[in-house]
PDB file of N, CA and C in Angstrom:
ATOM      1  N   VAL A   1      45.896  60.845 110.566  1.00  0.00           N
ATOM      2  CA  VAL A   1      46.363  61.335 109.287  1.00  0.00           C
ATOM      3  C   VAL A   1      47.385  60.340 108.758  1.00  0.00           C
ATOM      4  N   ASN A   2      47.293  60.034 107.485  1.00  0.00           N
ATOM      5  CA  ASN A   2      48.224  59.096 106.866  1.00  0.00           C
ATOM      6  C   ASN A   2      49.479  59.836 106.400  1.00  0.00           C
ATOM      7  N   ASN A   3      50.636  59.342 106.809  1.00  0.00           N
ATOM      8  CA  ASN A   3      51.908  59.864 106.331  1.00  0.00           C
ATOM      9  C   ASN A   3      52.293  59.013 105.129  1.00  0.00           C
ATOM     10  N   GLU A   4      52.100  59.560 103.931  1.00  0.00           N
ATOM     11  CA  GLU A   4      52.310  58.786 102.707  1.00  0.00           C
ATOM     12  C   GLU A   4      53.771  58.413 102.491  1.00  0.00           C
ATOM     13  N   LEU A   5      54.693  59.244 102.906  1.00  0.00           N
ATOM     14  CA  LEU A   5      56.115  58.965 102.702  1.00  0.00           C
ATOM     15  C   LEU A   5      56.564  57.764 103.523  1.00  0.00           C
ATOM     16  N   PHE A   6      56.187  57.751 104.794  1.00  0.00           N
ATOM     17  CA  PHE A   6      56.628  56.675 105.675  1.00  0.00           C
ATOM     18  C   PHE A   6      55.593  55.564 105.820  1.00  0.00           C
ATOM     19  N   GLY A   7      54.385  55.777 105.315  1.00  0.00           N
ATOM     20  CA  GLY A   7      53.379  54.725 105.287  1.00  0.00           C
ATOM     21  C   GLY A   7      52.774  54.366 106.630  1.00  0.00           C
ATOM     22  N   PHE A   8      52.608  55.332 107.506  1.00  0.00           N
ATOM     23  CA  PHE A   8      51.956  55.036 108.776  1.00  0.00           C
ATOM     24  C   PHE A   8      50.969  56.130 109.139  1.00  0.00           C
ATOM     25  N   GLU A   9      50.095  55.796 110.070  1.00  0.00           N
ATOM     26  CA  GLU A   9      49.093  56.734 110.551  1.00  0.00           C
ATOM     27  C   GLU A   9      49.680  57.583 111.676  1.00  0.00           C
ATOM     28  N   VAL A  10      49.356  58.860 111.660  1.00  0.00           N
ATOM     29  CA  VAL A  10      49.814  59.790 112.685  1.00  0.00           C
ATOM     30  C   VAL A  10      48.586  60.311 113.421  1.00  0.00           C
ATOM     31  N   PRO A  11      48.545  60.186 114.743  1.00  0.00           N
ATOM     32  CA  PRO A  11      47.389  60.711 115.474  1.00  0.00           C
ATOM     33  C   PRO A  11      47.302  62.228 115.313  1.00  0.00           C
ATOM     34  N   THR A  12      46.093  62.749 115.353  1.00  0.00           N
ATOM     35  CA  THR A  12      45.900  64.187 115.198  1.00  0.00           C
ATOM     36  C   THR A  12      45.694  64.890 116.529  1.00  0.00           C
ATOM     37  N   GLU A  13      45.429  64.119 117.566  1.00  0.00           N
ATOM     38  CA  GLU A  13      45.272  64.733 118.878  1.00  0.00           C
ATOM     39  C   GLU A  13      45.636  63.745 119.974  1.00  0.00           C
ATOM     40  N   CYS A  14      46.067  64.306 121.080  1.00  0.00           N
ATOM     41  CA  CYS A  14      46.442  63.523 122.243  1.00  0.00           C
ATOM     42  C   CYS A  14      46.256  64.434 123.458  1.00  0.00           C
ATOM     43  N   PRO A  15      45.634  63.940 124.516  1.00  0.00           N
ATOM     44  CA  PRO A  15      45.415  64.793 125.682  1.00  0.00           C
ATOM     45  C   PRO A  15      46.722  65.408 126.192  1.00  0.00           C
ATOM     46  N   ASN A  16      46.656  66.684 126.502  1.00  0.00           N
ATOM     47  CA  ASN A  16      47.773  67.447 127.074  1.00  0.00           C
ATOM     48  C   ASN A  16      48.968  67.636 126.136  1.00  0.00           C
ATOM     49  N   VAL A  17      48.759  67.414 124.846  1.00  0.00           N
ATOM     50  CA  VAL A  17      49.825  67.625 123.860  1.00  0.00           C
ATOM     51  C   VAL A  17      49.321  68.668 122.858  1.00  0.00           C
ATOM     52  N   PRO A  18      50.072  69.749 122.639  1.00  0.00           N
ATOM     53  CA  PRO A  18      49.642  70.765 121.676  1.00  0.00           C
ATOM     54  C   PRO A  18      49.443  70.166 120.280  1.00  0.00           C
ATOM     55  N   ASP A  19      48.368  70.571 119.614  1.00  0.00           N
ATOM     56  CA  ASP A  19      48.027  70.025 118.293  1.00  0.00           C
ATOM     57  C   ASP A  19      49.167  70.150 117.289  1.00  0.00           C
ATOM     58  N   GLU A  20      49.890  71.277 117.313  1.00  0.00           N
ATOM     59  CA  GLU A  20      50.945  71.476 116.310  1.00  0.00           C
ATOM     60  C   GLU A  20      52.082  70.470 116.453  1.00  0.00           C
ATOM     61  N   ILE A  21      52.279  69.926 117.628  1.00  0.00           N
ATOM     62  CA  ILE A  21      53.327  68.921 117.821  1.00  0.00           C
ATOM     63  C   ILE A  21      52.927  67.584 117.207  1.00  0.00           C
ATOM     64  N   MET A  22      51.638  67.350 117.102  1.00  0.00           N
ATOM     65  CA  MET A  22      51.157  66.081 116.557  1.00  0.00           C
ATOM     66  C   MET A  22      51.457  65.956 115.060  1.00  0.00           C
ATOM     67  N   GLN A  23      51.675  67.068 114.405  1.00  0.00           N
ATOM     68  CA  GLN A  23      52.037  67.080 112.985  1.00  0.00           C
ATOM     69  C   GLN A  23      53.420  67.729 112.869  1.00  0.00           C
ATOM     70  N   PRO A  24      54.486  66.930 112.828  1.00  0.00           N
ATOM     71  CA  PRO A  24      55.849  67.484 112.851  1.00  0.00           C
ATOM     72  C   PRO A  24      56.108  68.559 111.799  1.00  0.00           C
ATOM     73  N   ARG A  25      55.492  68.435 110.645  1.00  0.00           N
ATOM     74  CA  ARG A  25      55.715  69.422 109.576  1.00  0.00           C
ATOM     75  C   ARG A  25      55.326  70.827 110.040  1.00  0.00           C
ATOM     76  N   ARG A  26      54.326  70.899 110.894  1.00  0.00           N
ATOM     77  CA  ARG A  26      53.856  72.197 111.388  1.00  0.00           C
ATOM     78  C   ARG A  26      54.822  72.834 112.386  1.00  0.00           C
ATOM     79  N   THR A  27      55.753  72.074 112.907  1.00  0.00           N
ATOM     80  CA  THR A  27      56.703  72.630 113.879  1.00  0.00           C
ATOM     81  C   THR A  27      57.890  73.309 113.193  1.00  0.00           C
ATOM     82  N   TRP A  28      58.025  73.116 111.907  1.00  0.00           N
ATOM     83  CA  TRP A  28      59.123  73.724 111.150  1.00  0.00           C
ATOM     84  C   TRP A  28      58.659  75.071 110.588  1.00  0.00           C
ATOM     85  N   SER A  29      59.502  76.071 110.637  1.00  0.00           N
ATOM     86  CA  SER A  29      59.148  77.372 110.067  1.00  0.00           C
ATOM     87  C   SER A  29      59.157  77.320 108.540  1.00  0.00           C
ATOM     88  N   ASP A  30      59.882  76.368 107.977  1.00  0.00           N
ATOM     89  CA  ASP A  30      59.977  76.212 106.523  1.00  0.00           C
ATOM     90  C   ASP A  30      59.491  74.811 106.156  1.00  0.00           C
ATOM     91  N   ALA A  31      58.245  74.724 105.669  1.00  0.00           N
ATOM     92  CA  ALA A  31      57.652  73.426 105.337  1.00  0.00           C
ATOM     93  C   ALA A  31      58.450  72.708 104.252  1.00  0.00           C
ATOM     94  N   ASN A  32      59.019  73.455 103.308  1.00  0.00           N
ATOM     95  CA  ASN A  32      59.815  72.842 102.250  1.00  0.00           C
ATOM     96  C   ASN A  32      61.070  72.188 102.827  1.00  0.00           C
ATOM     97  N   ALA A  33      61.685  72.840 103.794  1.00  0.00           N
ATOM     98  CA  ALA A  33      62.870  72.263 104.444  1.00  0.00           C
ATOM     99  C   ALA A  33      62.494  70.978 105.176  1.00  0.00           C
ATOM    100  N   TYR A  34      61.326  70.966 105.804  1.00  0.00           N
ATOM    101  CA  TYR A  34      60.857  69.744 106.474  1.00  0.00           C
ATOM    102  C   TYR A  34      60.699  68.626 105.449  1.00  0.00           C
ATOM    103  N   ASP A  35      60.038  68.934 104.332  1.00  0.00           N
ATOM    104  CA  ASP A  35      59.813  67.920 103.296  1.00  0.00           C
ATOM    105  C   ASP A  35      61.139  67.356 102.790  1.00  0.00           C
ATOM    106  N   GLN A  36      62.114  68.218 102.581  1.00  0.00           N
ATOM    107  CA  GLN A  36      63.427  67.767 102.113  1.00  0.00           C
ATOM    108  C   GLN A  36      64.113  66.888 103.156  1.00  0.00           C
ATOM    109  N   ALA A  37      64.016  67.273 104.423  1.00  0.00           N
ATOM    110  CA  ALA A  37      64.629  66.479 105.497  1.00  0.00           C
ATOM    111  C   ALA A  37      63.935  65.129 105.640  1.00  0.00           C
ATOM    112  N   ALA A  38      62.604  65.120 105.520  1.00  0.00           N
ATOM    113  CA  ALA A  38      61.858  63.865 105.620  1.00  0.00           C
ATOM    114  C   ALA A  38      62.228  62.931 104.468  1.00  0.00           C
ATOM    115  N   LEU A  39      62.342  63.470 103.265  1.00  0.00           N
ATOM    116  CA  LEU A  39      62.724  62.663 102.110  1.00  0.00           C
ATOM    117  C   LEU A  39      64.147  62.124 102.272  1.00  0.00           C
ATOM    118  N   LYS A  40      65.043  62.950 102.781  1.00  0.00           N
ATOM    119  CA  LYS A  40      66.418  62.501 103.028  1.00  0.00           C
ATOM    120  C   LYS A  40      66.422  61.354 104.036  1.00  0.00           C
ATOM    121  N   LEU A  41      65.654  61.491 105.112  1.00  0.00           N
ATOM    122  CA  LEU A  41      65.569  60.438 106.123  1.00  0.00           C
ATOM    123  C   LEU A  41      65.000  59.155 105.526  1.00  0.00           C
ATOM    124  N   ALA A  42      63.953  59.275 104.715  1.00  0.00           N
ATOM    125  CA  ALA A  42      63.350  58.101 104.082  1.00  0.00           C
ATOM    126  C   ALA A  42      64.360  57.399 103.176  1.00  0.00           C
ATOM    127  N   ASN A  43      65.108  58.170 102.413  1.00  0.00           N
ATOM    128  CA  ASN A  43      66.122  57.576 101.531  1.00  0.00           C
ATOM    129  C   ASN A  43      67.241  56.918 102.326  1.00  0.00           C
ATOM    130  N   MET A  44      67.622  57.523 103.441  1.00  0.00           N
ATOM    131  CA  MET A  44      68.650  56.927 104.295  1.00  0.00           C
ATOM    132  C   MET A  44      68.154  55.602 104.873  1.00  0.00           C
ATOM    133  N   PHE A  45      66.889  55.559 105.262  1.00  0.00           N
ATOM    134  CA  PHE A  45      66.307  54.323 105.783  1.00  0.00           C
ATOM    135  C   PHE A  45      66.353  53.234 104.716  1.00  0.00           C
ATOM    136  N   LYS A  46      65.900  53.579 103.496  1.00  0.00           N
ATOM    137  CA  LYS A  46      65.889  52.596 102.403  1.00  0.00           C
ATOM    138  C   LYS A  46      67.297  52.081 102.119  1.00  0.00           C
ATOM    139  N   GLU A  47      68.259  52.980 102.079  1.00  0.00           N
ATOM    140  CA  GLU A  47      69.644  52.593 101.804  1.00  0.00           C
ATOM    141  C   GLU A  47      70.170  51.675 102.904  1.00  0.00           C
ATOM    142  N   ASN A  48      69.920  52.022 104.146  1.00  0.00           N
ATOM    143  CA  ASN A  48      70.392  51.211 105.267  1.00  0.00           C
ATOM    144  C   ASN A  48      69.720  49.839 105.286  1.00  0.00           C
ATOM    145  N   PHE A  49      68.446  49.780 104.908  1.00  0.00           N
ATOM    146  CA  PHE A  49      67.718  48.518 104.979  1.00  0.00           C
ATOM    147  C   PHE A  49      68.189  47.514 103.931  1.00  0.00           C
ATOM    148  N   LYS A  50      68.864  47.974 102.902  1.00  0.00           N
ATOM    149  CA  LYS A  50      69.350  47.060 101.860  1.00  0.00           C
ATOM    150  C   LYS A  50      70.158  45.912 102.454  1.00  0.00           C
ATOM    151  N   GLN A  51      70.865  46.171 103.542  1.00  0.00           N
ATOM    152  CA  GLN A  51      71.670  45.118 104.168  1.00  0.00           C
ATOM    153  C   GLN A  51      70.809  44.024 104.796  1.00  0.00           C
ATOM    154  N   PHE A  52      69.526  44.285 104.990  1.00  0.00           N
ATOM    155  CA  PHE A  52      68.634  43.311 105.610  1.00  0.00           C
ATOM    156  C   PHE A  52      67.642  42.693 104.624  1.00  0.00           C
ATOM    157  N   GLU A  53      67.656  43.141 103.362  1.00  0.00           N
ATOM    158  CA  GLU A  53      66.669  42.671 102.397  1.00  0.00           C
ATOM    159  C   GLU A  53      66.753  41.175 102.150  1.00  0.00           C
ATOM    160  N   GLU A  54      67.973  40.653 102.036  1.00  0.00           N
ATOM    161  CA  GLU A  54      68.112  39.216 101.825  1.00  0.00           C
ATOM    162  C   GLU A  54      67.563  38.500 103.054  1.00  0.00           C
ATOM    163  N   GLY A  55      66.621  37.636 102.827  1.00  0.00           N
ATOM    164  CA  GLY A  55      66.002  36.912 103.926  1.00  0.00           C
ATOM    165  C   GLY A  55      64.755  37.592 104.473  1.00  0.00           C
ATOM    166  N   SER A  56      64.454  38.804 103.992  1.00  0.00           N
ATOM    167  CA  SER A  56      63.239  39.498 104.419  1.00  0.00           C
ATOM    168  C   SER A  56      62.123  39.217 103.422  1.00  0.00           C
ATOM    169  N   SER A  57      60.919  39.142 103.918  1.00  0.00           N
ATOM    170  CA  SER A  57      59.774  38.912 103.032  1.00  0.00           C
ATOM    171  C   SER A  57      59.477  40.181 102.229  1.00  0.00           C
ATOM    172  N   GLN A  58      58.788  40.010 101.115  1.00  0.00           N
ATOM    173  CA  GLN A  58      58.382  41.154 100.299  1.00  0.00           C
ATOM    174  C   GLN A  58      57.502  42.094 101.110  1.00  0.00           C
ATOM    175  N   GLU A  59      56.687  41.532 101.973  1.00  0.00           N
ATOM    176  CA  GLU A  59      55.809  42.348 102.812  1.00  0.00           C
ATOM    177  C   GLU A  59      56.630  43.292 103.698  1.00  0.00           C
ATOM    178  N   ILE A  60      57.689  42.783 104.278  1.00  0.00           N
ATOM    179  CA  ILE A  60      58.561  43.608 105.120  1.00  0.00           C
ATOM    180  C   ILE A  60      59.280  44.655 104.272  1.00  0.00           C
ATOM    181  N   ILE A  61      59.813  44.254 103.143  1.00  0.00           N
ATOM    182  CA  ILE A  61      60.536  45.183 102.270  1.00  0.00           C
ATOM    183  C   ILE A  61      59.619  46.307 101.802  1.00  0.00           C
ATOM    184  N   GLN A  62      58.400  45.965 101.422  1.00  0.00           N
ATOM    185  CA  GLN A  62      57.454  46.959 100.920  1.00  0.00           C
ATOM    186  C   GLN A  62      56.885  47.853 102.015  1.00  0.00           C
ATOM    187  N   ALA A  63      57.096  47.492 103.269  1.00  0.00           N
ATOM    188  CA  ALA A  63      56.580  48.299 104.382  1.00  0.00           C
ATOM    189  C   ALA A  63      57.463  49.512 104.675  1.00  0.00           C
ATOM    190  N   GLY A  64      58.590  49.611 104.009  1.00  0.00           N
ATOM    191  CA  GLY A  64      59.489  50.739 104.239  1.00  0.00           C
ATOM    192  C   GLY A  64      58.960  52.019 103.617  1.00  0.00           C
ATOM    193  N   PRO A  65      59.720  53.089 103.718  1.00  0.00           N
ATOM    194  CA  PRO A  65      59.309  54.378 103.162  1.00  0.00           C
ATOM    195  C   PRO A  65      58.978  54.287 101.676  1.00  0.00           C
ATOM    196  N   ASN A  66      58.072  55.146 101.266  1.00  0.00           N
ATOM    197  CA  ASN A  66      57.542  55.185  99.920  1.00  0.00           C
ATOM    198  C   ASN A  66      58.290  56.236  99.100  1.00  0.00           C
ATOM    199  N   VAL A  67      59.500  55.919  98.665  1.00  0.00           N
ATOM    200  CA  VAL A  67      60.291  56.858  97.860  1.00  0.00           C
ATOM    201  C   VAL A  67      60.483  56.276  96.466  1.00  0.00           C
ATOM    202  N   SER A  68      60.565  57.174  95.475  1.00  0.00           N
ATOM    203  CA  SER A  68      60.775  56.673  94.111  1.00  0.00           C
ATOM    204  C   SER A  68      62.043  57.207  93.521  1.00  0.00           C
TER     205      SER A  68
END
């Protein structure tokens, strides 16, 4: 499954691991709260990465979270 916010693939199954754990959003009782926390984390990542942008390629910069 593609995680559009963070831009990576998430496996949907793994031997001996419960399916609901493979999708973190499903482990939260409030999906909206999960979405808000994920967006906050993505924004924190983008803000922190600003210190490394100088000298980083566009490819690396664009590989970060997909927030607008």
